[in-house]
C-alpha cells in the first residue's frame, strides 16, 4: 500500500524551461534524480545520500520520491506532480506497534495502548507536513 498523492496545474511556460526549473529545484533540495526525459523528471530521497533515509528530521521534510510529468496541450502545458508520502514498511511498522500495544493493554488491563497514540500522532504530523512540502515544491516550479 502506497500513499501517493498528485497535484496538477496548467502553465504557459515552455516545456524545456519547466524541465530546467524542476531539475534546479530538485537539485537544490538535495534529492537524487532518477530519470530525466523530454517531458518527465523522476527523483527520490535515497539516491542522493547513498545511505538510506538519513536522519529522523529528513523523514519529516523530504518526500520519498516524486515524478513531474509535463503534457503539452498547444498553448499551455499541464504539469502533474505525483509524490509518495509513506513507504509500505513505515505503515506496516506503525500498524504492528499499535496492534502490539493495544493487545498488551487489553490482556493486562493497563493503559499501554496510549503508547501507540504517540506513533499515530507522529505519522499524522508527518503526513500533513509532507503535503505542505510537496505543495511548496510544486508552487516553486510554477512560479
Protein backbone atom coordinates (compact mmCIF):
# COMPACT_ATOMS: atom_id res chain seq x y z
CA UNK A 1 0.00 0.00 0.00
CA UNK A 2 1.46 3.31 -1.03
CA UNK A 3 0.06 6.66 -0.09
CA UNK A 4 0.74 8.50 -3.34
CA UNK A 5 -0.70 11.94 -4.00
CA UNK A 6 -0.91 14.08 -7.10
CA UNK A 7 -1.01 17.81 -7.85
CA UNK A 8 -1.69 19.27 -11.28
CA UNK A 9 -1.93 22.72 -12.79
CA UNK A 10 -1.52 24.44 -16.13
CA UNK A 11 1.37 26.69 -17.13
CA UNK A 12 2.16 28.85 -20.15
CA UNK A 13 5.93 28.32 -19.85
CA UNK A 14 7.71 26.19 -22.44
CA UNK A 15 8.43 22.57 -21.60
CA UNK A 16 12.26 22.91 -21.65
CA UNK A 17 12.00 25.88 -19.26
CA UNK A 18 9.82 23.86 -16.90
CA UNK A 19 12.17 20.85 -17.05
CA UNK A 20 15.16 23.07 -16.29
CA UNK A 21 13.32 24.68 -13.38
CA UNK A 22 12.32 21.27 -11.99
CA UNK A 23 15.91 20.00 -12.20
CA UNK A 24 17.20 23.12 -10.44
CA UNK A 25 14.69 22.85 -7.59
CA UNK A 26 15.15 19.09 -7.15
CA UNK A 27 18.94 19.53 -7.03
CA UNK A 28 18.72 22.45 -4.60
CA UNK A 29 16.56 20.39 -2.24
CA UNK A 30 19.17 17.59 -2.41
CA UNK A 31 17.07 14.87 -3.98
CA UNK A 32 18.57 12.28 -6.27
CA UNK A 33 17.44 12.48 -9.89
CA UNK A 34 16.39 9.06 -11.15
CA UNK A 35 15.20 9.79 -14.68
CA UNK A 36 15.01 12.78 -17.00
CA UNK A 37 13.26 12.76 -20.37
CA UNK A 38 11.77 15.40 -22.67
CA UNK A 39 8.61 15.71 -20.55
CA UNK A 40 9.28 13.75 -17.36
CA UNK A 41 11.53 14.10 -14.28
CA UNK A 42 11.67 11.47 -11.52
CA UNK A 43 13.53 11.88 -8.24
CA UNK A 44 13.93 10.15 -4.90
CA UNK A 45 15.34 10.85 -1.48
CA UNK A 46 17.60 7.84 -1.03
CA UNK A 47 19.80 8.01 -4.11
CA UNK A 48 21.20 11.44 -3.18
CA UNK A 49 22.71 10.47 0.16
CA UNK A 50 23.56 6.91 -0.82
CA UNK A 51 22.97 5.73 2.75
CA UNK A 52 19.25 5.33 3.15
CA UNK A 53 16.74 7.68 4.64
CA UNK A 54 19.17 9.84 6.64
CA UNK A 55 18.25 11.46 9.93
CA UNK A 56 14.86 11.37 11.58
CA UNK A 57 14.38 15.02 10.69
CA UNK A 58 14.80 14.18 7.00
CA UNK A 59 11.77 11.89 7.19
CA UNK A 60 9.58 14.85 8.12
CA UNK A 61 10.84 17.30 5.48
CA UNK A 62 11.67 15.18 2.42
CA UNK A 63 9.38 13.24 0.14
CA UNK A 64 10.33 9.63 -0.54
CA UNK A 65 10.09 10.10 -4.29
CA UNK A 66 8.21 12.00 -6.94
CA UNK A 67 7.60 12.46 -10.63
CA UNK A 68 6.90 15.61 -12.61
CA UNK A 69 5.11 14.95 -15.90
CA UNK A 70 4.50 17.70 -18.44
CA UNK A 71 1.85 17.33 -21.13
CA UNK A 72 1.86 19.82 -24.00
CA UNK A 73 -1.66 20.97 -24.95
CA UNK A 74 -0.86 23.57 -27.58
CA UNK A 75 -0.88 26.99 -25.95
CA UNK A 76 -0.44 25.70 -22.38
CA UNK A 77 1.32 22.86 -20.55
CA UNK A 78 -0.29 20.60 -17.94
CA UNK A 79 2.18 19.94 -15.12
CA UNK A 80 1.40 16.90 -12.94
CA UNK A 81 3.37 16.14 -9.78
CA UNK A 82 2.93 12.67 -8.28
CA UNK A 83 4.71 12.04 -4.99
CA UNK A 84 4.92 9.38 -2.32
CA UNK A 85 4.41 10.24 1.35
CA UNK A 86 4.96 6.87 3.03
CA UNK A 87 6.61 3.60 2.17
CA UNK A 88 4.98 0.23 2.93
CA UNK A 89 7.40 -0.62 5.70
CA UNK A 90 6.56 2.57 7.61
CA UNK A 91 2.84 1.89 7.54
CA UNK A 92 3.35 -1.77 8.45
CA UNK A 93 5.73 -0.93 11.28
CA UNK A 94 3.36 1.58 12.86
CA UNK A 95 0.36 -0.76 12.49
CA UNK A 96 2.30 -3.61 14.12
CA UNK A 97 3.31 -1.41 17.04
CA UNK A 98 -0.25 -0.20 17.50
CA UNK A 99 -1.56 -3.78 17.47
CA UNK A 100 1.09 -4.99 19.92
CA UNK A 101 0.50 -2.20 22.43
CA UNK A 102 -3.28 -2.45 22.12
CA UNK A 103 -3.22 -6.23 22.56
CA UNK A 104 -0.94 -5.88 25.56
CA UNK A 105 -3.26 -3.26 27.06
CA UNK A 106 -6.32 -5.46 26.61
CA UNK A 107 -4.54 -8.51 28.01
CA UNK A 108 -3.14 -6.75 31.10
CA UNK A 109 -5.88 -4.18 31.61
CA UNK A 110 -3.31 -1.37 31.57
CA UNK A 111 -3.05 1.89 29.68
CA UNK A 112 -0.20 0.68 27.44
CA UNK A 113 -2.31 1.40 24.36
CA UNK A 114 -1.62 5.10 24.96
CA UNK A 115 1.94 4.50 23.75
CA UNK A 116 0.54 3.64 20.33
CA UNK A 117 -1.18 7.02 20.22
CA UNK A 118 2.28 8.64 20.04
CA UNK A 119 3.10 6.65 16.88
CA UNK A 120 -0.22 7.60 15.30
CA UNK A 121 0.31 11.29 16.12
CA UNK A 122 3.84 11.17 14.68
CA UNK A 123 2.65 9.70 11.38
CA UNK A 124 -0.23 12.18 11.19
CA UNK A 125 2.16 15.12 11.67
CA UNK A 126 4.47 13.67 9.03
CA UNK A 127 1.58 13.25 6.58
CA UNK A 128 0.44 16.87 6.83
CA UNK A 129 3.97 18.24 6.87
CA UNK A 130 4.95 16.38 3.70
CA UNK A 131 1.80 17.58 1.95
CA UNK A 132 2.94 21.15 2.66
CA UNK A 133 6.48 20.36 1.45
CA UNK A 134 5.10 18.92 -1.81
CA UNK A 135 2.79 21.90 -2.39
CA UNK A 136 5.66 24.34 -1.81
CA UNK A 137 7.88 22.43 -4.25
CA UNK A 138 5.12 22.37 -6.87
CA UNK A 139 4.44 26.11 -6.43
CA UNK A 140 8.17 26.86 -6.83
CA UNK A 141 8.20 25.04 -10.18
CA UNK A 142 5.21 27.01 -11.48
CA UNK A 143 6.33 30.50 -10.38
